[in-house]
């Protein structure tokens, strides 16, 4: 990875996988090779996330079934959190359960009030294997939980119930991108 001040500046955006693509529903494998390929993947993930105007991106959202996610996300106090986590594990999700707007780059244009805990702690390692622990509150906690869900084969719509779930899934079926070849998206 080129050590630049802007993550993703040496990466290239990759095609986004959309709802319906099986890779989004399979649990991801742990990363075992901490090499140039992993650094390139992380750079490409940042480039893809920025190109899609996202705040987080899991590797399976670009078709790579590995436990990696990147983020550039504010918390509720508008403090910026920027980084990546390899082999992340959500070790704590606690605090108040807050229903807030949530969307996903794999369901573009669809948002729903989704319950998430107000605090989350994720452990893992960096691209070079250094241990890392990331704690988030508010919107950043929501982001951390969302990305960990992706790596376990989950989507935010799994946290919805009743009318909210039906509306979100109906909107996805009617979206302009519905039915497109997911890998070419």
N, C-alpha and C. Protein backbone atom coordinates (compact mmCIF):
# COMPACT_ATOMS: atom_id res chain seq x y z
N UNK A 1 0.86 -1.17 0.00
CA UNK A 1 0.00 0.00 0.00
C UNK A 1 0.90 1.22 0.00
N UNK A 2 0.65 2.11 -0.90
CA UNK A 2 1.39 3.36 -0.89
C UNK A 2 0.95 4.14 0.32
N UNK A 3 1.89 4.66 1.05
CA UNK A 3 1.54 5.41 2.25
C UNK A 3 1.23 6.84 1.85
N UNK A 4 -0.03 7.07 1.57
CA UNK A 4 -0.52 8.39 1.19
C UNK A 4 -1.48 8.85 2.26
N UNK A 5 -1.69 10.13 2.32
CA UNK A 5 -2.59 10.66 3.34
C UNK A 5 -4.06 10.41 2.99
N UNK A 6 -4.34 10.05 1.76
CA UNK A 6 -5.72 9.82 1.34
C UNK A 6 -5.91 8.34 1.03
N UNK A 7 -6.61 7.61 1.92
CA UNK A 7 -6.87 6.20 1.62
C UNK A 7 -7.64 6.07 0.31
N UNK A 8 -7.29 5.05 -0.44
CA UNK A 8 -7.97 4.80 -1.70
C UNK A 8 -7.39 5.54 -2.88
N UNK A 9 -6.43 6.44 -2.63
CA UNK A 9 -5.90 7.24 -3.73
C UNK A 9 -5.10 6.39 -4.73
N UNK A 10 -4.63 5.23 -4.29
CA UNK A 10 -3.94 4.36 -5.24
C UNK A 10 -4.81 3.18 -5.65
N UNK A 11 -6.07 3.18 -5.18
CA UNK A 11 -6.97 2.09 -5.51
C UNK A 11 -7.84 2.40 -6.72
N UNK A 12 -8.57 1.37 -7.13
CA UNK A 12 -9.51 1.54 -8.24
C UNK A 12 -10.87 1.04 -7.79
N UNK A 13 -11.92 1.81 -8.10
CA UNK A 13 -13.26 1.35 -7.73
C UNK A 13 -13.61 0.03 -8.43
N UNK A 14 -14.21 -0.85 -7.70
CA UNK A 14 -14.65 -2.14 -8.24
C UNK A 14 -16.18 -2.17 -8.29
N UNK A 15 -16.75 -3.04 -9.11
CA UNK A 15 -18.21 -3.15 -9.20
C UNK A 15 -18.83 -3.55 -7.86
N UNK A 16 -19.93 -2.91 -7.54
CA UNK A 16 -20.66 -3.18 -6.30
C UNK A 16 -21.60 -4.35 -6.50
N UNK A 17 -21.64 -5.26 -5.55
CA UNK A 17 -22.59 -6.36 -5.56
C UNK A 17 -23.88 -5.88 -4.91
N UNK A 18 -25.01 -6.22 -5.52
CA UNK A 18 -26.30 -5.72 -5.08
C UNK A 18 -27.15 -6.82 -4.47
N UNK A 19 -28.17 -6.40 -3.74
CA UNK A 19 -29.11 -7.33 -3.12
C UNK A 19 -29.50 -8.41 -4.12
N UNK A 20 -29.43 -9.65 -3.68
CA UNK A 20 -29.73 -10.79 -4.55
C UNK A 20 -28.49 -11.55 -4.94
N UNK A 21 -27.32 -10.90 -4.86
CA UNK A 21 -26.07 -11.59 -5.17
C UNK A 21 -25.75 -12.52 -4.00
N UNK A 22 -25.54 -13.81 -4.28
CA UNK A 22 -25.30 -14.78 -3.20
C UNK A 22 -24.10 -14.45 -2.32
N UNK A 23 -23.10 -13.76 -2.83
CA UNK A 23 -21.91 -13.46 -2.02
C UNK A 23 -22.26 -12.61 -0.80
N UNK A 24 -23.36 -11.85 -0.88
CA UNK A 24 -23.77 -11.01 0.25
C UNK A 24 -24.39 -11.83 1.39
N UNK A 25 -24.78 -13.06 1.11
CA UNK A 25 -25.46 -13.88 2.11
C UNK A 25 -24.59 -14.99 2.69
N UNK A 26 -23.37 -15.08 2.25
CA UNK A 26 -22.45 -16.11 2.75
C UNK A 26 -21.50 -15.50 3.77
N UNK A 27 -21.26 -16.19 4.89
CA UNK A 27 -20.25 -15.70 5.83
C UNK A 27 -18.87 -15.67 5.15
N UNK A 28 -18.12 -14.63 5.44
CA UNK A 28 -16.80 -14.46 4.82
C UNK A 28 -15.73 -15.25 5.57
N UNK A 29 -14.67 -15.58 4.85
CA UNK A 29 -13.53 -16.32 5.42
C UNK A 29 -12.54 -15.35 6.07
N UNK A 30 -11.84 -15.85 7.08
CA UNK A 30 -10.76 -15.06 7.68
C UNK A 30 -9.65 -14.85 6.67
N UNK A 31 -9.01 -13.68 6.76
CA UNK A 31 -7.83 -13.39 5.95
C UNK A 31 -6.66 -14.15 6.55
N UNK A 32 -5.89 -14.84 5.71
CA UNK A 32 -4.71 -15.56 6.17
C UNK A 32 -3.43 -15.04 5.52
N UNK A 33 -3.56 -14.35 4.40
CA UNK A 33 -2.39 -13.82 3.68
C UNK A 33 -2.32 -12.31 3.86
N UNK A 34 -1.36 -11.86 4.63
CA UNK A 34 -1.16 -10.43 4.86
C UNK A 34 -0.06 -9.96 3.91
N UNK A 35 -0.46 -9.72 2.68
CA UNK A 35 0.50 -9.44 1.62
C UNK A 35 0.07 -8.24 0.79
N UNK A 36 0.75 -8.04 -0.33
CA UNK A 36 0.44 -6.91 -1.21
C UNK A 36 -0.99 -7.01 -1.76
N UNK A 37 -1.49 -8.22 -1.96
CA UNK A 37 -2.86 -8.40 -2.45
C UNK A 37 -3.89 -7.87 -1.45
N UNK A 38 -3.65 -8.06 -0.16
CA UNK A 38 -4.55 -7.54 0.87
C UNK A 38 -4.49 -6.01 0.88
N UNK A 39 -3.30 -5.46 0.79
CA UNK A 39 -3.17 -4.00 0.77
C UNK A 39 -3.87 -3.41 -0.45
N UNK A 40 -3.75 -4.06 -1.59
CA UNK A 40 -4.43 -3.60 -2.81
C UNK A 40 -5.95 -3.68 -2.64
N UNK A 41 -6.43 -4.77 -2.06
CA UNK A 41 -7.87 -4.92 -1.80
C UNK A 41 -8.38 -3.76 -0.94
N UNK A 42 -7.66 -3.44 0.12
CA UNK A 42 -8.09 -2.36 1.02
C UNK A 42 -8.10 -1.03 0.29
N UNK A 43 -7.09 -0.76 -0.50
CA UNK A 43 -7.07 0.48 -1.29
C UNK A 43 -8.25 0.53 -2.26
N UNK A 44 -8.52 -0.59 -2.92
CA UNK A 44 -9.66 -0.64 -3.85
C UNK A 44 -10.98 -0.47 -3.11
N UNK A 45 -11.07 -1.01 -1.90
CA UNK A 45 -12.30 -0.86 -1.11
C UNK A 45 -12.53 0.60 -0.74
N UNK A 46 -11.47 1.30 -0.33
CA UNK A 46 -11.62 2.73 -0.05
C UNK A 46 -12.06 3.47 -1.30
N UNK A 47 -11.41 3.19 -2.44
CA UNK A 47 -11.76 3.87 -3.68
C UNK A 47 -13.21 3.60 -4.06
N UNK A 48 -13.66 2.36 -3.88
CA UNK A 48 -15.04 1.98 -4.20
C UNK A 48 -16.03 2.69 -3.26
N UNK A 49 -15.71 2.69 -1.97
CA UNK A 49 -16.59 3.34 -0.99
C UNK A 49 -16.72 4.83 -1.30
N UNK A 50 -15.61 5.49 -1.59
CA UNK A 50 -15.66 6.93 -1.89
C UNK A 50 -16.41 7.19 -3.19
N UNK A 51 -16.20 6.35 -4.20
CA UNK A 51 -16.90 6.54 -5.48
C UNK A 51 -18.41 6.41 -5.31
N UNK A 52 -18.84 5.59 -4.33
CA UNK A 52 -20.27 5.37 -4.09
C UNK A 52 -20.82 6.28 -3.00
N UNK A 53 -19.99 7.19 -2.49
CA UNK A 53 -20.40 8.11 -1.42
C UNK A 53 -20.87 7.38 -0.16
N UNK A 54 -20.15 6.31 0.19
CA UNK A 54 -20.49 5.55 1.38
C UNK A 54 -19.64 5.94 2.58
N UNK A 55 -19.99 5.37 3.73
CA UNK A 55 -19.22 5.59 4.96
C UNK A 55 -18.58 4.30 5.45
N UNK A 56 -18.89 3.18 4.81
CA UNK A 56 -18.31 1.90 5.16
C UNK A 56 -18.50 0.93 4.00
N UNK A 57 -17.63 -0.06 3.93
CA UNK A 57 -17.73 -1.06 2.86
C UNK A 57 -17.07 -2.35 3.31
N UNK A 58 -17.80 -3.45 3.16
CA UNK A 58 -17.27 -4.78 3.46
C UNK A 58 -16.78 -5.42 2.16
N UNK A 59 -15.77 -6.27 2.28
CA UNK A 59 -15.16 -6.88 1.09
C UNK A 59 -16.16 -7.66 0.24
N UNK A 60 -17.12 -8.34 0.87
CA UNK A 60 -18.06 -9.12 0.05
C UNK A 60 -18.96 -8.22 -0.79
N UNK A 61 -19.06 -6.95 -0.46
CA UNK A 61 -19.86 -6.03 -1.28
C UNK A 61 -19.21 -5.78 -2.64
N UNK A 62 -17.94 -6.13 -2.77
CA UNK A 62 -17.29 -6.07 -4.09
C UNK A 62 -16.92 -7.48 -4.55
N UNK A 63 -17.57 -8.47 -3.97
CA UNK A 63 -17.42 -9.85 -4.43
C UNK A 63 -16.25 -10.61 -3.86
N UNK A 64 -15.59 -10.09 -2.83
CA UNK A 64 -14.45 -10.76 -2.22
C UNK A 64 -14.89 -11.30 -0.85
N UNK A 65 -15.03 -12.61 -0.70
CA UNK A 65 -15.58 -13.17 0.53
C UNK A 65 -14.56 -13.30 1.67
N UNK A 66 -13.91 -12.20 1.98
CA UNK A 66 -12.92 -12.16 3.07
C UNK A 66 -13.38 -11.20 4.15
N UNK A 67 -12.97 -11.46 5.39
CA UNK A 67 -13.36 -10.64 6.54
C UNK A 67 -12.49 -9.38 6.60
N UNK A 68 -12.92 -8.36 5.84
CA UNK A 68 -12.26 -7.06 5.81
C UNK A 68 -13.32 -6.01 5.61
N UNK A 69 -13.22 -4.89 6.35
CA UNK A 69 -14.04 -3.75 5.99
C UNK A 69 -13.27 -2.47 6.21
N UNK A 70 -13.71 -1.43 5.48
CA UNK A 70 -13.12 -0.09 5.58
C UNK A 70 -14.22 0.87 6.01
N UNK A 71 -13.80 2.00 6.57
CA UNK A 71 -14.78 3.00 7.01
C UNK A 71 -14.17 4.39 6.99
N UNK A 72 -15.00 5.35 6.73
CA UNK A 72 -14.71 6.78 6.87
C UNK A 72 -16.04 7.38 7.29
N UNK A 73 -16.27 7.40 8.59
CA UNK A 73 -17.61 7.61 9.14
C UNK A 73 -17.57 8.59 10.30
N UNK A 74 -18.50 9.53 10.34
CA UNK A 74 -18.60 10.41 11.51
C UNK A 74 -19.40 9.73 12.62
N UNK A 75 -19.16 10.20 13.84
CA UNK A 75 -20.03 9.78 14.93
C UNK A 75 -21.07 10.88 15.15
N UNK A 76 -21.84 10.78 16.19
CA UNK A 76 -22.90 11.76 16.41
C UNK A 76 -22.38 13.14 16.79
N UNK A 77 -21.11 13.22 17.18
CA UNK A 77 -20.50 14.53 17.49
C UNK A 77 -19.72 15.06 16.29
N UNK A 78 -19.90 14.42 15.14
CA UNK A 78 -19.27 14.79 13.87
C UNK A 78 -17.75 14.62 13.89
N UNK A 79 -17.26 13.71 14.76
CA UNK A 79 -15.84 13.34 14.74
C UNK A 79 -15.66 12.27 13.67
N UNK A 80 -14.63 12.44 12.85
CA UNK A 80 -14.37 11.51 11.76
C UNK A 80 -13.60 10.29 12.26
N UNK A 81 -14.05 9.11 11.84
CA UNK A 81 -13.36 7.86 12.14
C UNK A 81 -12.99 7.24 10.80
N UNK A 82 -11.71 6.96 10.61
CA UNK A 82 -11.17 6.51 9.33
C UNK A 82 -10.27 5.32 9.56
N UNK A 83 -10.51 4.23 8.84
CA UNK A 83 -9.63 3.08 8.98
C UNK A 83 -10.15 1.84 8.29
N UNK A 84 -9.52 0.75 8.65
CA UNK A 84 -9.91 -0.57 8.12
C UNK A 84 -9.69 -1.59 9.23
N UNK A 85 -10.39 -2.71 9.13
CA UNK A 85 -10.21 -3.79 10.09
C UNK A 85 -10.23 -5.11 9.31
N UNK A 86 -9.21 -5.91 9.56
CA UNK A 86 -9.09 -7.23 8.97
C UNK A 86 -9.48 -8.25 10.04
N UNK A 87 -10.24 -9.26 9.65
CA UNK A 87 -10.74 -10.29 10.57
C UNK A 87 -11.44 -9.68 11.78
N UNK A 88 -12.37 -8.74 11.53
CA UNK A 88 -13.06 -8.09 12.64
C UNK A 88 -14.03 -9.03 13.35
N UNK A 89 -14.18 -8.78 14.63
CA UNK A 89 -15.16 -9.46 15.46
C UNK A 89 -15.87 -8.40 16.28
N UNK A 90 -17.18 -8.40 16.23
CA UNK A 90 -17.97 -7.50 17.05
C UNK A 90 -17.99 -8.11 18.45
N UNK A 91 -17.27 -7.50 19.39
CA UNK A 91 -17.17 -8.07 20.73
C UNK A 91 -18.19 -7.46 21.68
N UNK A 92 -18.65 -6.25 21.39
CA UNK A 92 -19.66 -5.61 22.23
C UNK A 92 -20.58 -4.77 21.37
N UNK A 93 -21.86 -4.92 21.60
CA UNK A 93 -22.87 -4.02 21.06
C UNK A 93 -23.84 -3.80 22.21
N UNK A 94 -23.76 -2.62 22.80
CA UNK A 94 -24.58 -2.37 23.98
C UNK A 94 -25.01 -0.91 24.02
N UNK A 95 -25.52 -0.51 25.16
CA UNK A 95 -26.07 0.83 25.28
C UNK A 95 -27.49 0.85 24.78
N UNK A 96 -28.01 2.03 24.64
CA UNK A 96 -29.39 2.22 24.21
C UNK A 96 -29.61 1.64 22.82
N UNK A 97 -30.76 1.04 22.61
CA UNK A 97 -31.16 0.56 21.29
C UNK A 97 -31.85 1.73 20.59
N UNK A 98 -31.25 2.20 19.49
CA UNK A 98 -31.74 3.39 18.81
C UNK A 98 -32.20 3.00 17.40
N UNK A 99 -33.40 3.43 17.02
CA UNK A 99 -33.87 3.23 15.65
C UNK A 99 -33.48 4.47 14.86
N UNK A 100 -32.63 4.27 13.86
CA UNK A 100 -32.19 5.40 13.05
C UNK A 100 -32.14 5.02 11.59
N UNK A 101 -32.02 6.03 10.72
CA UNK A 101 -31.98 5.76 9.28
C UNK A 101 -30.72 4.97 8.92
N UNK A 102 -30.93 3.96 8.12
CA UNK A 102 -29.80 3.14 7.69
C UNK A 102 -30.01 2.76 6.23
N UNK A 103 -28.93 2.83 5.48
CA UNK A 103 -28.95 2.43 4.08
C UNK A 103 -27.77 1.52 3.83
N UNK A 104 -27.57 1.15 2.58
CA UNK A 104 -26.49 0.22 2.24
C UNK A 104 -26.11 0.42 0.78
N UNK A 105 -24.83 0.39 0.50
CA UNK A 105 -24.36 0.54 -0.88
C UNK A 105 -24.81 -0.61 -1.76
N UNK A 106 -25.18 -1.74 -1.16
CA UNK A 106 -25.68 -2.88 -1.93
C UNK A 106 -27.19 -2.84 -2.13
N UNK A 107 -27.83 -1.82 -1.57
CA UNK A 107 -29.26 -1.55 -1.78
C UNK A 107 -29.38 -0.05 -2.05
N UNK A 108 -28.79 0.43 -3.13
CA UNK A 108 -28.71 1.88 -3.35
C UNK A 108 -30.08 2.55 -3.39
N UNK A 109 -30.16 3.67 -2.66
CA UNK A 109 -31.37 4.48 -2.67
C UNK A 109 -32.45 4.02 -1.70
N UNK A 110 -32.19 2.97 -0.94
CA UNK A 110 -33.21 2.45 -0.02
C UNK A 110 -32.71 2.65 1.41
N UNK A 111 -33.57 3.22 2.23
CA UNK A 111 -33.22 3.51 3.62
C UNK A 111 -34.40 3.13 4.50
N UNK A 112 -34.08 2.69 5.72
CA UNK A 112 -35.15 2.34 6.66
C UNK A 112 -34.68 2.59 8.08
N UNK A 113 -35.61 2.93 8.95
CA UNK A 113 -35.32 3.07 10.37
C UNK A 113 -34.98 1.70 10.95
N UNK A 114 -33.72 1.54 11.34
CA UNK A 114 -33.20 0.24 11.76
C UNK A 114 -32.70 0.32 13.20
N UNK A 115 -33.09 -0.61 14.06
CA UNK A 115 -32.61 -0.59 15.44
C UNK A 115 -31.17 -1.08 15.54
N UNK A 116 -30.35 -0.30 16.22
CA UNK A 116 -28.95 -0.67 16.49
C UNK A 116 -28.58 -0.18 17.88
N UNK A 117 -27.63 -0.85 18.48
CA UNK A 117 -27.11 -0.39 19.77
C UNK A 117 -26.29 0.87 19.57
N UNK A 118 -26.27 1.71 20.58
CA UNK A 118 -25.61 3.02 20.51
C UNK A 118 -24.10 2.95 20.75
N UNK A 119 -23.58 1.78 21.07
CA UNK A 119 -22.15 1.62 21.31
C UNK A 119 -21.72 0.26 20.76
N UNK A 120 -20.56 0.22 20.13
CA UNK A 120 -20.03 -1.03 19.58
C UNK A 120 -18.52 -1.05 19.73
N UNK A 121 -17.99 -2.24 19.98
CA UNK A 121 -16.54 -2.45 20.03
C UNK A 121 -16.21 -3.59 19.09
N UNK A 122 -15.25 -3.34 18.21
CA UNK A 122 -14.82 -4.33 17.23
C UNK A 122 -13.32 -4.53 17.40
N UNK A 123 -12.89 -5.79 17.42
CA UNK A 123 -11.46 -6.10 17.46
C UNK A 123 -11.07 -6.77 16.15
N UNK A 124 -9.80 -6.71 15.84
CA UNK A 124 -9.27 -7.33 14.64
C UNK A 124 -7.82 -6.95 14.50
N UNK A 125 -7.36 -6.90 13.27
CA UNK A 125 -5.99 -6.51 12.98
C UNK A 125 -5.97 -5.56 11.78
N UNK A 126 -4.84 -4.92 11.58
CA UNK A 126 -4.64 -4.06 10.42
C UNK A 126 -4.08 -4.89 9.27
N UNK A 127 -3.86 -4.25 8.13
CA UNK A 127 -3.36 -4.97 6.95
C UNK A 127 -2.01 -5.64 7.19
N UNK A 128 -1.26 -5.17 8.18
CA UNK A 128 0.04 -5.79 8.46
C UNK A 128 0.01 -6.68 9.70
N UNK A 129 -1.19 -6.98 10.19
CA UNK A 129 -1.34 -7.92 11.29
C UNK A 129 -1.29 -7.32 12.68
N UNK A 130 -1.19 -5.99 12.80
CA UNK A 130 -1.15 -5.35 14.11
C UNK A 130 -2.54 -5.37 14.74
N UNK A 131 -2.64 -5.76 16.01
CA UNK A 131 -3.95 -5.80 16.68
C UNK A 131 -4.57 -4.40 16.74
N UNK A 132 -5.91 -4.37 16.61
CA UNK A 132 -6.62 -3.11 16.67
C UNK A 132 -7.96 -3.34 17.38
N UNK A 133 -8.36 -2.34 18.16
CA UNK A 133 -9.69 -2.35 18.78
C UNK A 133 -10.31 -1.00 18.47
N UNK A 134 -11.51 -1.02 17.94
CA UNK A 134 -12.20 0.20 17.55
C UNK A 134 -13.51 0.28 18.33
N UNK A 135 -13.72 1.42 19.00
CA UNK A 135 -14.96 1.64 19.74
C UNK A 135 -15.72 2.77 19.05
N UNK A 136 -16.99 2.55 18.85
CA UNK A 136 -17.81 3.57 18.21
C UNK A 136 -19.07 3.83 19.00
N UNK A 137 -19.55 5.06 18.92
CA UNK A 137 -20.83 5.42 19.51
C UNK A 137 -21.68 6.08 18.43
N UNK A 138 -22.98 6.10 18.67
CA UNK A 138 -23.89 6.78 17.75
C UNK A 138 -23.84 6.21 16.34
N UNK A 139 -23.75 7.10 15.36
CA UNK A 139 -23.76 6.71 13.96
C UNK A 139 -22.58 5.80 13.62
N UNK A 140 -21.41 6.06 14.23
CA UNK A 140 -20.25 5.21 13.97
C UNK A 140 -20.47 3.80 14.53
N UNK A 141 -21.12 3.68 15.68
CA UNK A 141 -21.46 2.35 16.22
C UNK A 141 -22.37 1.62 15.25
N UNK A 142 -23.32 2.34 14.66
CA UNK A 142 -24.22 1.77 13.65
C UNK A 142 -23.41 1.24 12.47
N UNK A 143 -22.44 2.02 12.01
CA UNK A 143 -21.59 1.62 10.89
C UNK A 143 -20.81 0.34 11.22
N UNK A 144 -20.21 0.29 12.40
CA UNK A 144 -19.42 -0.89 12.78
C UNK A 144 -20.30 -2.15 12.81
N UNK A 145 -21.49 -2.04 13.38
CA UNK A 145 -22.40 -3.19 13.44
C UNK A 145 -22.85 -3.60 12.04
N UNK A 146 -23.13 -2.62 11.20
CA UNK A 146 -23.57 -2.86 9.82
C UNK A 146 -22.51 -3.64 9.04
N UNK A 147 -21.26 -3.19 9.12
CA UNK A 147 -20.19 -3.85 8.36
C UNK A 147 -19.90 -5.24 8.90
N UNK A 148 -19.93 -5.43 10.22
CA UNK A 148 -19.75 -6.78 10.78
C UNK A 148 -20.86 -7.71 10.32
N UNK A 149 -22.11 -7.20 10.26
CA UNK A 149 -23.21 -8.00 9.75
C UNK A 149 -22.91 -8.49 8.33
N UNK A 150 -22.41 -7.58 7.48
CA UNK A 150 -22.10 -7.97 6.10
C UNK A 150 -21.16 -9.18 6.07
N UNK A 151 -20.13 -9.13 6.90
CA UNK A 151 -19.12 -10.19 6.86
C UNK A 151 -19.65 -11.52 7.39
N UNK A 152 -20.77 -11.47 8.11
CA UNK A 152 -21.43 -12.69 8.58
C UNK A 152 -22.55 -13.12 7.64
N UNK A 153 -22.69 -12.43 6.50
CA UNK A 153 -23.72 -12.77 5.52
C UNK A 153 -25.05 -12.09 5.78
N UNK A 154 -25.03 -11.01 6.55
CA UNK A 154 -26.26 -10.31 6.89
C UNK A 154 -26.39 -8.96 6.21
N UNK A 155 -27.62 -8.46 6.19
CA UNK A 155 -27.93 -7.14 5.66
C UNK A 155 -28.76 -6.39 6.70
N UNK A 156 -28.77 -5.07 6.60
CA UNK A 156 -29.53 -4.30 7.58
C UNK A 156 -31.02 -4.63 7.54
N UNK A 157 -31.51 -5.08 6.41
CA UNK A 157 -32.93 -5.44 6.31
C UNK A 157 -33.27 -6.62 7.21
N UNK A 158 -32.28 -7.41 7.62
CA UNK A 158 -32.52 -8.52 8.53
C UNK A 158 -32.95 -8.02 9.91
N UNK A 159 -32.63 -6.77 10.22
CA UNK A 159 -32.98 -6.19 11.52
C UNK A 159 -34.36 -5.50 11.49
N UNK A 160 -34.97 -5.48 10.34
CA UNK A 160 -36.28 -4.85 10.20
C UNK A 160 -37.38 -5.87 10.41
N UNK A 161 -38.53 -5.39 10.82
CA UNK A 161 -39.68 -6.28 11.00
C UNK A 161 -40.93 -5.60 10.47
N UNK A 162 -41.94 -6.40 10.23
CA UNK A 162 -43.25 -5.89 9.88
C UNK A 162 -43.25 -4.99 8.67
N UNK A 163 -43.97 -3.87 8.81
CA UNK A 163 -44.16 -2.93 7.70
C UNK A 163 -42.84 -2.35 7.20
N UNK A 164 -41.92 -2.03 8.12
CA UNK A 164 -40.63 -1.47 7.68
C UNK A 164 -39.89 -2.44 6.76
N UNK A 165 -39.87 -3.69 7.14
CA UNK A 165 -39.18 -4.71 6.33
C UNK A 165 -39.88 -4.87 4.98
N UNK A 166 -41.19 -4.99 5.00
CA UNK A 166 -41.94 -5.16 3.74
C UNK A 166 -41.71 -3.98 2.80
N UNK A 167 -41.74 -2.76 3.34
CA UNK A 167 -41.53 -1.57 2.51
C UNK A 167 -40.12 -1.54 1.91
N UNK A 168 -39.12 -1.85 2.71
CA UNK A 168 -37.74 -1.83 2.22
C UNK A 168 -37.53 -2.87 1.12
N UNK A 169 -38.03 -4.07 1.34
CA UNK A 169 -37.85 -5.13 0.34
C UNK A 169 -38.68 -4.87 -0.92
N UNK A 170 -39.85 -4.28 -0.76
CA UNK A 170 -40.65 -3.90 -1.94
C UNK A 170 -39.91 -2.83 -2.74
N UNK A 171 -39.34 -1.85 -2.05
CA UNK A 171 -38.58 -0.81 -2.74
C UNK A 171 -37.39 -1.42 -3.48
N UNK A 172 -36.76 -2.42 -2.89
CA UNK A 172 -35.63 -3.08 -3.55
C UNK A 172 -36.09 -3.82 -4.81
N UNK A 173 -37.22 -4.47 -4.74
CA UNK A 173 -37.74 -5.18 -5.93
C UNK A 173 -38.07 -4.21 -7.05
N UNK A 174 -38.50 -2.99 -6.70
CA UNK A 174 -38.91 -1.99 -7.69
C UNK A 174 -37.78 -1.05 -8.11
N UNK A 175 -36.63 -1.17 -7.47
CA UNK A 175 -35.51 -0.25 -7.74
C UNK A 175 -35.01 -0.42 -9.18
N UNK A 176 -34.47 0.65 -9.76
CA UNK A 176 -33.97 0.58 -11.13
C UNK A 176 -32.87 -0.48 -11.32
N UNK A 177 -32.16 -0.78 -10.26
CA UNK A 177 -31.07 -1.75 -10.33
C UNK A 177 -31.55 -3.18 -10.09
N UNK A 178 -32.78 -3.39 -9.67
CA UNK A 178 -33.28 -4.74 -9.37
C UNK A 178 -33.23 -5.61 -10.61
N UNK A 179 -32.74 -6.81 -10.44
CA UNK A 179 -32.69 -7.76 -11.55
C UNK A 179 -31.50 -7.62 -12.46
N UNK A 180 -30.70 -6.57 -12.26
CA UNK A 180 -29.49 -6.43 -13.09
C UNK A 180 -28.50 -7.50 -12.71
N UNK A 181 -27.61 -7.81 -13.64
CA UNK A 181 -26.51 -8.74 -13.34
C UNK A 181 -25.69 -8.14 -12.22
N UNK A 182 -25.69 -8.78 -11.08
CA UNK A 182 -25.09 -8.22 -9.87
C UNK A 182 -23.59 -7.94 -10.01
N UNK A 183 -22.86 -8.82 -10.66
CA UNK A 183 -21.42 -8.63 -10.79
C UNK A 183 -21.07 -7.49 -11.72
N UNK A 184 -21.98 -7.13 -12.61
CA UNK A 184 -21.71 -6.06 -13.57
C UNK A 184 -22.20 -4.72 -13.06
N UNK A 185 -22.79 -4.70 -11.87
CA UNK A 185 -23.37 -3.47 -11.33
C UNK A 185 -22.33 -2.44 -10.97
